[in-house]
Protein backbone atom coordinates (compact mmCIF):
# COMPACT_ATOMS: atom_id res chain seq x y z
CA MET A 1 -21.85 43.65 33.65
CA GLN A 2 -21.26 42.84 30.16
CA ARG A 3 -17.29 42.50 31.16
CA ILE A 4 -18.45 39.84 33.82
CA VAL A 5 -20.34 38.05 31.09
CA TRP A 6 -17.69 38.40 28.70
CA ILE A 7 -15.07 37.18 31.16
CA ALA A 8 -17.20 34.26 31.60
CA SER A 9 -17.90 33.42 28.35
CA LEU A 10 -14.29 33.27 27.70
CA PHE A 11 -13.43 31.07 30.99
CA VAL A 12 -16.35 28.69 29.41
CA ALA A 13 -14.48 28.52 26.15
CA VAL A 14 -11.15 28.39 27.32
CA VAL A 15 -12.51 25.31 29.36
CA SER A 16 -14.47 23.77 26.84
CA ALA A 17 -11.04 23.59 24.28
CA GLU A 18 -8.92 22.47 27.25
CA CYS A 19 -11.49 19.61 27.74
CA ALA A 20 -11.66 18.97 24.18
CA ARG A 21 -8.00 18.52 23.77
CA THR A 22 -7.98 16.19 27.03
CA ALA A 23 -10.19 14.50 25.57
CA LYS A 24 -8.56 14.08 22.30
CA ALA A 25 -5.41 13.01 24.36
CA ASP A 26 -7.04 10.42 26.42
CA ARG A 27 -8.34 8.22 23.10
CA PRO A 28 -6.36 6.05 20.90
CA PRO A 29 -4.70 8.06 17.86
CA ASN A 30 -6.49 7.86 14.14
CA VAL A 31 -5.16 6.13 11.69
CA VAL A 32 -4.93 6.87 7.85
CA ILE A 33 -3.07 4.72 5.13
CA ILE A 34 -2.97 6.46 1.78
CA PHE A 35 -2.06 3.71 -0.79
CA ILE A 36 -0.99 4.35 -4.60
CA ASP A 37 -0.98 1.77 -7.01
CA ASP A 38 1.91 1.21 -9.36
CA MET A 39 3.79 4.10 -7.98
CA GLY A 40 7.57 3.83 -8.27
CA TYR A 41 10.54 4.64 -5.86
CA ALA A 42 11.16 7.86 -7.77
CA ASP A 43 7.79 9.26 -8.39
CA ILE A 44 7.50 11.83 -5.96
CA GLY A 45 9.35 14.74 -5.26
CA PRO A 46 10.78 13.33 -1.61
CA PHE A 47 12.22 10.66 -3.23
CA GLY A 48 13.42 12.58 -6.61
CA ALA A 49 10.26 12.72 -9.04
CA LYS A 50 11.19 15.33 -11.91
CA GLY A 51 8.75 17.21 -14.31
CA TYR A 52 5.77 17.85 -12.03
CA GLU A 53 5.63 19.04 -8.42
CA THR A 54 4.16 17.27 -5.21
CA PRO A 55 4.03 20.27 -2.77
CA ASN A 56 1.65 18.36 -0.42
CA LEU A 57 3.90 15.49 -0.18
CA ASP A 58 6.90 17.41 -0.24
CA ARG A 59 5.49 19.31 3.08
CA MET A 60 4.26 15.85 4.66
CA ALA A 61 7.87 14.56 4.09
CA ALA A 62 9.17 18.08 5.70
CA GLU A 63 6.74 17.51 8.69
CA GLY A 64 7.61 13.81 9.06
CA ARG A 65 9.53 10.83 8.27
CA CYS A 66 10.72 9.27 4.76
CA PHE A 67 11.70 5.50 5.25
CA THR A 68 14.15 4.66 2.34
CA ASP A 69 14.00 0.95 2.57
CA PHE A 70 10.27 -0.04 2.91
CA LEU A 71 9.07 -2.96 1.05
CA VAL A 72 6.02 -4.96 0.21
CA SER A 73 5.61 -8.38 0.31
CA SER A 74 4.97 -8.91 -3.31
CA ALA A 75 5.50 -6.79 -6.43
CA VAL A 76 1.75 -7.43 -7.56
CA CYS A 77 -1.63 -6.06 -6.53
CA SER A 78 -3.37 -8.26 -4.64
CA ALA A 79 -0.81 -10.21 -2.82
CA SER A 80 0.64 -6.77 -2.03
CA ARG A 81 -2.47 -5.56 -0.58
CA ALA A 82 -3.22 -8.58 1.64
CA ALA A 83 -0.04 -8.56 3.25
CA LEU A 84 -0.84 -5.08 4.28
CA MET A 85 -4.29 -5.63 5.50
CA THR A 86 -3.11 -8.88 7.42
CA GLY A 87 0.39 -8.44 8.71
CA CYS A 88 1.52 -11.43 6.76
CA TYR A 89 3.49 -12.61 3.73
CA HIS A 90 0.86 -12.69 1.12
CA ARG A 91 1.90 -16.48 1.19
CA ARG A 92 0.77 -17.04 4.29
CA VAL A 93 -2.90 -15.99 3.63
CA SER A 94 -2.57 -17.89 -0.09
CA ILE A 95 -3.24 -14.68 -1.94
CA SER A 96 -0.99 -14.42 -5.24
CA GLY A 97 -0.84 -12.24 -8.03
CA ALA A 98 -3.76 -10.13 -9.03
CA LEU A 99 -7.51 -11.40 -8.13
CA GLY A 100 -9.32 -11.22 -11.82
CA PRO A 101 -12.99 -10.75 -12.33
CA GLY A 102 -13.39 -14.43 -12.83
CA ALA A 103 -11.52 -15.26 -9.24
CA LYS A 104 -13.61 -17.47 -6.90
CA ILE A 105 -11.25 -16.96 -3.92
CA GLY A 106 -10.52 -14.10 -1.94
CA LEU A 107 -9.01 -12.71 1.68
CA ASN A 108 -10.23 -15.59 4.00
CA PRO A 109 -12.57 -14.02 6.35
CA ASN A 110 -10.93 -15.75 9.53
CA GLU A 111 -8.00 -13.59 8.56
CA VAL A 112 -7.99 -10.10 10.61
CA THR A 113 -7.09 -7.10 9.02
CA ILE A 114 -6.27 -3.47 10.06
CA ALA A 115 -9.75 -2.54 9.94
CA GLU A 116 -10.69 -5.51 12.70
CA ILE A 117 -7.69 -4.57 15.26
CA CYS A 118 -9.06 -0.99 15.17
CA LYS A 119 -12.57 -2.18 15.74
CA GLN A 120 -11.20 -3.62 18.79
CA LYS A 121 -10.92 -0.11 20.08
CA GLY A 122 -14.43 1.05 18.86
CA TYR A 123 -12.93 2.92 15.97
CA ALA A 124 -14.70 4.13 12.77
CA THR A 125 -13.26 2.47 9.76
CA ALA A 126 -13.82 3.19 6.31
CA ILE A 127 -12.25 1.98 2.72
CA PHE A 128 -12.60 4.13 -0.31
CA GLY A 129 -10.67 3.14 -3.51
CA LYS A 130 -9.27 0.16 -4.43
CA TRP A 131 -9.98 -3.30 -2.66
CA HIS A 132 -8.76 -6.17 -4.75
CA LEU A 133 -9.04 -8.86 -1.98
CA GLY A 134 -12.18 -10.71 -3.62
CA HIS A 135 -15.04 -8.61 -5.26
CA HIS A 136 -17.87 -11.05 -4.12
CA PRO A 137 -19.94 -10.07 -1.50
CA LYS A 138 -18.62 -12.28 1.29
CA PHE A 139 -15.22 -10.91 0.61
CA LEU A 140 -15.92 -7.55 0.21
CA PRO A 141 -14.68 -4.90 2.59
CA GLN A 142 -17.79 -4.89 5.27
CA ALA A 143 -16.97 -8.40 5.92
CA GLN A 144 -13.38 -7.76 6.87
CA GLY A 145 -13.80 -4.86 9.50
CA PHE A 146 -14.79 -1.83 7.81
CA ASP A 147 -18.07 0.14 8.37
CA GLU A 148 -17.98 2.03 4.67
CA TYR A 149 -16.76 1.15 1.30
CA PHE A 150 -16.81 2.55 -1.86
CA GLY A 151 -14.71 2.20 -5.15
CA LEU A 152 -13.52 -0.71 -7.59
CA PRO A 153 -13.22 -4.42 -6.20
CA TYR A 154 -10.16 -4.81 -8.49
CA SER A 155 -7.84 -2.72 -10.85
CA ASN A 156 -9.27 -0.13 -12.96
CA ASP A 157 -7.62 -1.97 -16.36
CA MET A 158 -9.72 -5.22 -15.62
CA TRP A 159 -12.42 -3.61 -18.05
CA PRO A 160 -13.36 -4.18 -21.54
CA ARG A 161 -11.22 -1.09 -22.72
CA HIS A 162 -7.81 -3.05 -21.72
CA PRO A 163 -5.36 -2.35 -24.23
CA THR A 164 -4.20 -5.53 -24.94
CA ALA A 165 -7.17 -7.80 -23.35
CA GLY A 166 -10.20 -6.26 -23.14
CA SER A 167 -12.28 -8.80 -24.73
CA ARG A 168 -11.81 -11.16 -21.58
CA PHE A 169 -13.01 -8.45 -18.99
CA PRO A 170 -16.80 -7.72 -18.48
CA PRO A 171 -17.92 -4.31 -17.54
CA LEU A 172 -16.37 -2.75 -14.83
CA PRO A 173 -18.53 -2.13 -11.60
CA LEU A 174 -18.44 0.45 -8.91
CA ILE A 175 -19.19 -0.38 -5.28
CA ALA A 176 -20.78 1.34 -2.37
CA GLY A 177 -20.74 -1.03 0.52
CA ARG A 178 -21.77 -4.50 -1.08
CA THR A 179 -24.29 -2.69 -3.77
CA VAL A 180 -23.05 -2.03 -7.26
CA VAL A 181 -23.84 1.77 -7.91
CA ASN A 182 -22.55 1.85 -11.50
CA PRO A 183 -22.46 -1.47 -13.24
CA ASP A 184 -20.30 -0.49 -16.32
CA VAL A 185 -17.83 2.48 -15.45
CA GLN A 186 -16.94 4.69 -18.36
CA PRO A 187 -13.60 6.64 -19.05
CA PHE A 188 -15.57 9.85 -17.64
CA ASP A 189 -16.12 7.84 -14.38
CA GLN A 190 -12.35 7.26 -14.30
CA ARG A 191 -11.43 10.70 -14.67
CA LEU A 192 -13.61 11.54 -11.22
CA LEU A 193 -12.21 8.40 -9.06
CA THR A 194 -9.29 10.40 -7.36
CA THR A 195 -11.66 12.99 -6.72
CA TRP A 196 -14.57 10.64 -5.21
CA TYR A 197 -12.47 9.06 -3.07
CA THR A 198 -10.86 12.31 -1.72
CA GLN A 199 -14.03 13.87 -0.90
CA ARG A 200 -15.62 10.75 0.38
CA ALA A 201 -12.14 10.27 2.75
CA VAL A 202 -12.80 14.38 4.07
CA ASP A 203 -16.46 13.51 4.76
CA PHE A 204 -15.81 10.56 6.71
CA ILE A 205 -12.88 12.69 8.65
CA GLU A 206 -15.62 15.64 9.15
CA ARG A 207 -18.27 12.80 10.53
CA ASN A 208 -15.92 10.93 12.72
CA HIS A 209 -13.45 13.96 13.84
CA ASP A 210 -14.59 13.31 17.68
CA ARG A 211 -13.90 9.67 17.69
CA PRO A 212 -10.81 7.61 17.04
CA PHE A 213 -11.01 6.32 13.43
CA PHE A 214 -9.35 4.42 10.78
CA LEU A 215 -9.44 5.37 7.02
CA TYR A 216 -7.73 3.46 4.06
CA LEU A 217 -7.79 5.71 1.05
CA ALA A 218 -6.69 3.17 -1.79
CA HIS A 219 -6.45 5.48 -4.88
CA ASN A 220 -6.46 3.31 -8.51
CA MET A 221 -4.16 5.80 -9.89
CA VAL A 222 -1.45 5.64 -10.87
CA HIS A 223 -2.30 2.31 -12.34
CA VAL A 224 -2.86 2.16 -16.26
CA PRO A 225 -5.28 3.57 -17.48
CA LEU A 226 -4.46 6.63 -16.32
CA TYR A 227 -7.05 9.28 -15.83
CA VAL A 228 -6.93 12.86 -14.59
CA SER A 229 -9.53 15.32 -13.71
CA ASP A 230 -9.74 18.67 -15.44
CA LYS A 231 -8.48 19.95 -12.52
CA PHE A 232 -5.10 18.77 -13.23
CA ALA A 233 -5.45 18.12 -16.70
CA GLY A 234 -2.37 19.28 -18.86
CA LYS A 235 -1.10 20.75 -15.41
CA SER A 236 2.95 18.87 -15.70
CA LYS A 237 5.66 18.63 -17.99
CA ARG A 238 5.99 15.06 -17.39
CA GLY A 239 2.64 14.84 -19.39
CA LEU A 240 -0.63 12.28 -18.45
CA PHE A 241 1.30 10.66 -15.80
CA GLY A 242 2.81 13.76 -14.07
CA ASP A 243 -0.87 15.28 -14.19
CA VAL A 244 -2.33 12.21 -12.19
CA VAL A 245 0.52 12.21 -9.74
CA MET A 246 0.02 16.05 -9.39
CA GLU A 247 -3.83 15.17 -8.65
CA VAL A 248 -2.85 12.21 -6.14
CA ASP A 249 -0.42 14.91 -4.22
CA TRP A 250 -3.67 17.18 -4.07
CA SER A 251 -5.57 14.37 -2.44
CA VAL A 252 -2.88 13.98 0.23
CA GLY A 253 -3.28 17.82 0.92
CA GLN A 254 -7.06 17.59 1.05
CA ILE A 255 -6.51 14.55 3.78
CA LEU A 256 -3.86 16.54 5.95
CA ASP A 257 -5.64 19.81 5.27
CA ALA A 258 -8.93 18.05 7.09
CA LEU A 259 -7.27 17.09 9.89
CA ARG A 260 -5.82 20.30 10.44
CA ARG A 261 -8.87 21.90 10.27
CA TRP A 262 -10.45 19.49 12.93
CA GLY A 263 -7.85 20.16 14.86
CA ILE A 264 -6.74 16.64 15.19
CA ASP A 265 -3.25 16.53 12.93
CA ARG A 266 -1.46 16.10 16.10
CA HIS A 267 -3.46 13.08 17.28
CA THR A 268 -3.33 11.23 13.94
CA LEU A 269 -0.79 8.62 12.14
CA VAL A 270 -0.70 9.41 8.54
CA ILE A 271 1.26 6.60 6.36
CA PHE A 272 1.72 7.28 2.63
CA SER A 273 2.84 4.24 0.38
CA SER A 274 2.31 2.26 -2.72
CA ASP A 275 1.31 -1.38 -3.42
CA ASN A 276 4.56 -2.21 -5.57
CA GLY A 277 6.54 -0.62 -8.23
CA PRO A 278 6.24 0.89 -11.41
CA TRP A 279 4.77 -0.92 -14.42
CA LEU A 280 7.58 -0.39 -16.79
CA SER A 281 6.42 -1.87 -20.18
CA TYR A 282 4.08 1.04 -20.10
CA GLY A 283 6.49 3.78 -20.73
CA ASP A 284 5.64 7.34 -20.71
CA HIS A 285 2.18 6.45 -18.67
CA ALA A 286 4.40 4.57 -16.05
CA GLY A 287 6.62 6.05 -13.02
CA SER A 288 10.22 5.10 -12.19
CA ALA A 289 12.30 3.34 -9.66
CA GLY A 290 15.16 5.62 -9.88
CA PRO A 291 18.34 4.00 -8.78
CA LEU A 292 16.54 0.74 -8.25
CA ARG A 293 16.64 -2.45 -10.62
CA GLU A 294 13.46 -3.52 -12.59
CA GLY A 295 10.09 -2.60 -11.55
CA LYS A 296 6.42 -4.26 -10.81
CA GLY A 297 6.09 -7.98 -11.33
CA THR A 298 9.97 -8.70 -9.97
CA THR A 299 11.25 -9.08 -6.53
CA PHE A 300 14.33 -6.81 -7.40
CA GLU A 301 14.03 -3.70 -5.44
CA GLY A 302 12.50 -1.60 -7.95
CA GLY A 303 9.29 -4.04 -7.80
CA ILE A 304 9.66 -4.06 -4.01
CA ARG A 305 10.94 -1.27 -2.72
CA VAL A 306 8.50 1.60 -2.28
CA PRO A 307 8.17 5.71 -1.59
CA THR A 308 7.14 5.80 2.12
CA ILE A 309 6.21 8.50 4.45
CA PHE A 310 5.21 8.32 8.06
CA TRP A 311 3.32 11.75 9.29
CA TRP A 312 2.44 12.55 13.02
CA PRO A 313 2.87 15.75 13.99
CA GLY A 314 4.41 16.41 17.41
CA ARG A 315 5.49 12.54 17.55
CA ILE A 316 7.40 11.80 14.52
CA PRO A 317 10.28 14.19 14.40
CA PRO A 318 9.99 16.39 11.29
CA ASN A 319 11.96 16.40 8.26
CA SER A 320 13.61 13.09 9.20
CA ARG A 321 14.45 9.77 7.41
CA CYS A 322 14.98 6.08 8.43
CA ASP A 323 16.95 4.02 6.25
CA GLU A 324 16.31 0.65 8.25
CA LEU A 325 14.60 -2.31 6.76
CA ALA A 326 10.91 -2.31 7.14
CA SER A 327 7.88 -3.09 5.27
CA THR A 328 3.68 -2.89 5.07
CA ILE A 329 3.53 -6.22 7.23
CA ASP A 330 4.67 -4.28 10.04
CA ILE A 331 1.90 -1.60 9.89
CA LEU A 332 -0.78 -4.09 11.66
CA PRO A 333 1.11 -4.85 14.57
CA THR A 334 2.42 -1.49 14.70
CA VAL A 335 -0.88 0.22 15.02
CA ALA A 336 -2.23 -2.43 17.10
CA ALA A 337 0.42 -1.41 19.83
CA LEU A 338 -0.33 2.12 19.33
CA ILE A 339 -3.90 1.87 20.26
CA GLY A 340 -3.49 -1.09 22.99
CA ALA A 341 -5.25 -3.70 20.69
CA LYS A 342 -4.79 -7.23 20.64
CA LEU A 343 -2.81 -9.21 17.86
CA PRO A 344 -4.39 -11.88 16.30
CA ARG A 345 -4.09 -15.23 17.63
CA HIS A 346 -2.81 -16.91 14.60
CA LYS A 347 0.85 -16.40 13.26
CA ILE A 348 1.63 -12.86 11.47
CA ASP A 349 5.02 -11.91 10.21
CA GLY A 350 5.27 -8.22 10.36
CA LYS A 351 6.99 -6.28 13.43
CA ASP A 352 6.18 -3.61 15.74
CA ILE A 353 7.95 -0.98 14.14
CA ARG A 354 7.19 2.02 16.82
CA ARG A 355 11.17 2.44 17.42
CA LEU A 356 12.08 3.34 13.61
CA MET A 357 8.86 6.12 13.79
CA PHE A 358 10.44 7.55 16.68
CA ASP A 359 13.97 7.06 17.47
CA ASP A 360 16.87 8.04 15.27
CA THR A 361 19.07 5.22 16.53
CA ALA A 362 16.74 2.09 16.24
CA ARG A 363 17.32 -0.83 14.43
CA SER A 364 15.16 -3.03 11.81
CA PRO A 365 13.50 -5.60 14.10
CA HIS A 366 13.43 -7.94 10.63
CA ASP A 367 16.52 -10.49 10.72
CA VAL A 368 15.58 -11.26 7.02
CA PHE A 369 12.95 -10.62 5.07
CA TYR A 370 11.66 -13.12 2.18
CA CYS A 371 11.05 -11.90 -1.21
CA TYR A 372 8.37 -14.08 -2.83
CA TYR A 373 7.03 -13.61 -6.08
CA ALA A 374 3.08 -13.98 -6.61
CA GLY A 375 3.04 -17.45 -7.93
CA GLY A 376 4.81 -18.88 -4.51
CA GLU A 377 8.30 -18.61 -5.66
CA LEU A 378 10.98 -17.79 -2.98
CA GLN A 379 13.24 -15.85 -5.29
CA ALA A 380 15.28 -13.68 -3.11
CA ILE A 381 16.03 -13.03 0.73
CA ARG A 382 17.21 -10.14 2.04
CA ASP A 383 18.58 -8.55 5.41
CA ARG A 384 19.36 -4.92 6.35
CA ARG A 385 22.62 -4.98 3.86
CA TRP A 386 22.44 -8.13 1.38
CA LYS A 387 19.96 -9.62 -0.70
CA LEU A 388 20.50 -13.16 -1.92
CA HIS A 389 18.63 -14.06 -5.53
CA PHE A 390 17.99 -17.65 -6.32
CA PRO A 391 18.03 -18.69 -10.00
CA HIS A 392 14.71 -17.68 -11.08
CA ARG A 393 12.99 -16.05 -14.25
CA TYR A 394 11.78 -12.70 -14.75
CA ARG A 395 10.54 -10.15 -16.91
CA THR A 396 12.51 -7.08 -18.09
CA LEU A 397 12.66 -4.37 -20.89
CA GLY A 398 16.35 -5.17 -20.96
CA GLY A 399 17.08 -1.52 -21.50
CA ARG A 400 14.49 -0.89 -24.35
CA PRO A 401 12.21 1.81 -23.84
CA GLY A 402 8.44 1.40 -22.59
CA GLY A 403 5.66 1.91 -24.62
CA THR A 404 3.72 5.30 -25.27
CA GLY A 405 0.16 6.59 -25.23
CA GLY A 406 -1.23 3.75 -22.68
CA LYS A 407 0.08 0.77 -24.82
CA PRO A 408 2.57 -1.12 -23.45
CA VAL A 409 5.76 -2.95 -25.12
CA PRO A 410 6.29 -6.94 -24.47
CA TYR A 411 8.72 -7.96 -21.85
CA GLU A 412 11.48 -10.48 -22.33
CA ILE A 413 12.43 -13.19 -20.10
CA ARG A 414 15.66 -13.80 -18.78
CA THR A 415 16.98 -15.74 -16.06
CA ILE A 416 19.26 -14.32 -12.97
CA GLU A 417 21.92 -16.84 -11.47
CA LEU A 418 22.43 -17.49 -7.85
CA SER A 419 23.45 -13.86 -7.18
CA LEU A 420 24.45 -11.91 -3.91
CA PHE A 421 24.16 -7.96 -3.83
CA ASP A 422 25.38 -5.45 -1.28
CA LEU A 423 22.43 -3.10 -1.17
CA LYS A 424 24.54 -0.52 1.01
CA ASN A 425 26.97 -0.07 -1.90
CA ASP A 426 24.84 -1.33 -4.71
CA VAL A 427 21.21 -0.77 -4.19
CA GLY A 428 20.74 -1.13 -8.15
CA GLU A 429 21.65 -4.70 -8.00
CA THR A 430 24.13 -4.72 -10.64
CA THR A 431 27.16 -6.50 -9.41
CA ASN A 432 27.42 -10.12 -7.72
CA VAL A 433 29.62 -10.68 -5.02
CA ILE A 434 28.61 -14.11 -3.78
CA ASP A 435 32.45 -15.22 -4.45
CA LYS A 436 33.69 -12.31 -2.65
CA TYR A 437 31.17 -12.93 0.60
CA PRO A 438 30.57 -16.89 0.72
CA GLU A 439 29.39 -16.72 3.94
CA VAL A 440 27.06 -14.19 3.66
CA ALA A 441 25.41 -16.24 1.17
CA LYS A 442 25.81 -19.19 3.35
CA ARG A 443 23.78 -17.53 6.28
CA LEU A 444 21.07 -16.18 4.11
CA MET A 445 20.75 -19.77 2.17
CA ALA A 446 20.21 -21.25 5.89
CA ALA A 447 17.29 -18.65 6.66
CA ALA A 448 15.74 -19.33 3.28
CA GLU A 449 15.32 -23.07 4.31
CA LYS A 450 13.12 -21.87 7.10
CA ALA A 451 11.03 -20.28 4.69
CA ARG A 452 10.42 -22.72 2.64
CA GLU A 453 9.51 -25.30 5.78
CA ASP A 454 6.95 -22.30 6.69
CA LEU A 455 5.71 -20.79 3.64
CA GLY A 456 6.90 -23.32 0.99
CA ASP A 457 8.54 -22.62 -2.72
CA ARG A 458 7.08 -23.47 -5.83
CA LEU A 459 10.65 -23.28 -7.52
CA ARG A 460 11.87 -26.39 -4.89
CA GLY A 461 8.43 -28.07 -5.21
CA VAL A 462 7.81 -27.55 -1.24
CA ARG A 463 4.86 -27.11 0.27
CA GLY A 464 4.83 -24.83 3.66
CA LYS A 465 3.40 -26.06 6.77
CA GLY A 466 2.57 -22.60 8.10
CA VAL A 467 0.13 -21.35 4.68
CA ARG A 468 -3.31 -20.70 5.45
CA PRO A 469 -6.06 -21.37 2.99
CA PRO A 470 -7.69 -18.38 1.13
CA GLY A 471 -11.46 -17.58 1.36
CA ARG A 472 -13.67 -19.96 -1.11
CA LEU A 473 -17.01 -19.28 -2.64
CA SER A 474 -19.30 -22.10 -1.86
CA ALA A 475 -22.41 -22.94 -4.27
CA ALA A 476 -24.72 -20.61 -2.07
CA ASP A 477 -22.14 -17.98 -2.21
CA GLU A 478 -22.31 -18.23 -5.74
CA ARG A 479 -26.20 -18.05 -5.98
CA LEU A 480 -26.07 -14.99 -4.11
CA THR A 481 -23.26 -13.08 -5.52
CA TRP A 482 -24.34 -9.94 -7.55
CA TYR A 483 -21.53 -10.80 -10.36
CA ARG A 484 -21.97 -12.86 -13.21
CA PRO A 485 -18.77 -13.00 -15.47
């Protein structure tokens, strides 16, 4: 009799497990985006980091696919995040640069975010970390499709302790939902941000493991000022910067472990990337662009090409790489295609890159990619191999070392002439070959004219026909806001 009961119990358990697997297979996949702030191309192990270990990212790369030519729309915080969230060049949605505490604009509520795409299919949605697309209530994440939010509304250096401009910043708030839960973030709070965000992300996964979810984990690190918890303080040979990257790597491990623990790892796409390249003027508190030229705040590859890993066990080929041109603007249309959701009715610029995720022979869907700087300057245009820079001013250290101990050194301003670079053979953009390949330059110039007509170009004084307005505060909005500069 006991044997019959045991067999019956085993049968029920097997059937239940099979039903659970079938239920997961029938629902659309979970999506997790882990977005790091100011992480350079060579700042993690799979892309050549030295002086510290990133075992979780190494494993993620071994089990997934590294994208080696993955671009952001702009090498500045808010502009880059607007592009990620909307699938559009930041110029199209009129979010430029880095919105500060005094900004009275934000992402227009009429824009459609990845979270809103996922809500079409009943997803649970959350963001933990840095938003930076408008800090007033009408612009916060819960107005853009997110069920949950906990984090800083903008960069962690926009506070009174800024090393060079602290007096112009008000106290830095920590927000949960639309409520300020800490009106004056202190250094000891910043040391715990990575831990807090990770804990909330893991809790979100646990609470929603039995339904589809979209999780956006947007760490404030490795943006200066750098802070790290006691778990990783003093652990690396690279100093504080290495400690901070090791803690970010730990965070990635916590997320992947939670997915495995709940048996949903093979039903979840995880994307790891960065908003722009390293802030080089901070020297030993900044990362590295490796072989790429320059860093944050420029349209050279060091500013706009970021380390990126796609992970989806059982779907994405393990230990693989994609050298084709892709971008953060492609994530929204790709997610929409994966989950069977409708794209926005308005124009977007991203492309569906599912083939690049799964197929080793796939080619980039982008014929060209526009490289705008934050203020609306079309500074460069590129395709899979070639990159044409138009004459423009840019910031550089000019070979000098950056600062030490969290204090930056000043950049110098230079001007680049009309220049064509062969990225296939010169990823560092060192040799102008425009005289050797004039037909390539001519083709890219013609494509740039289409960009100017659509998105404008401040360098030429052209206003684009396809640019949509940002969200703006009304007088009523200002009366309701929690924020007083």
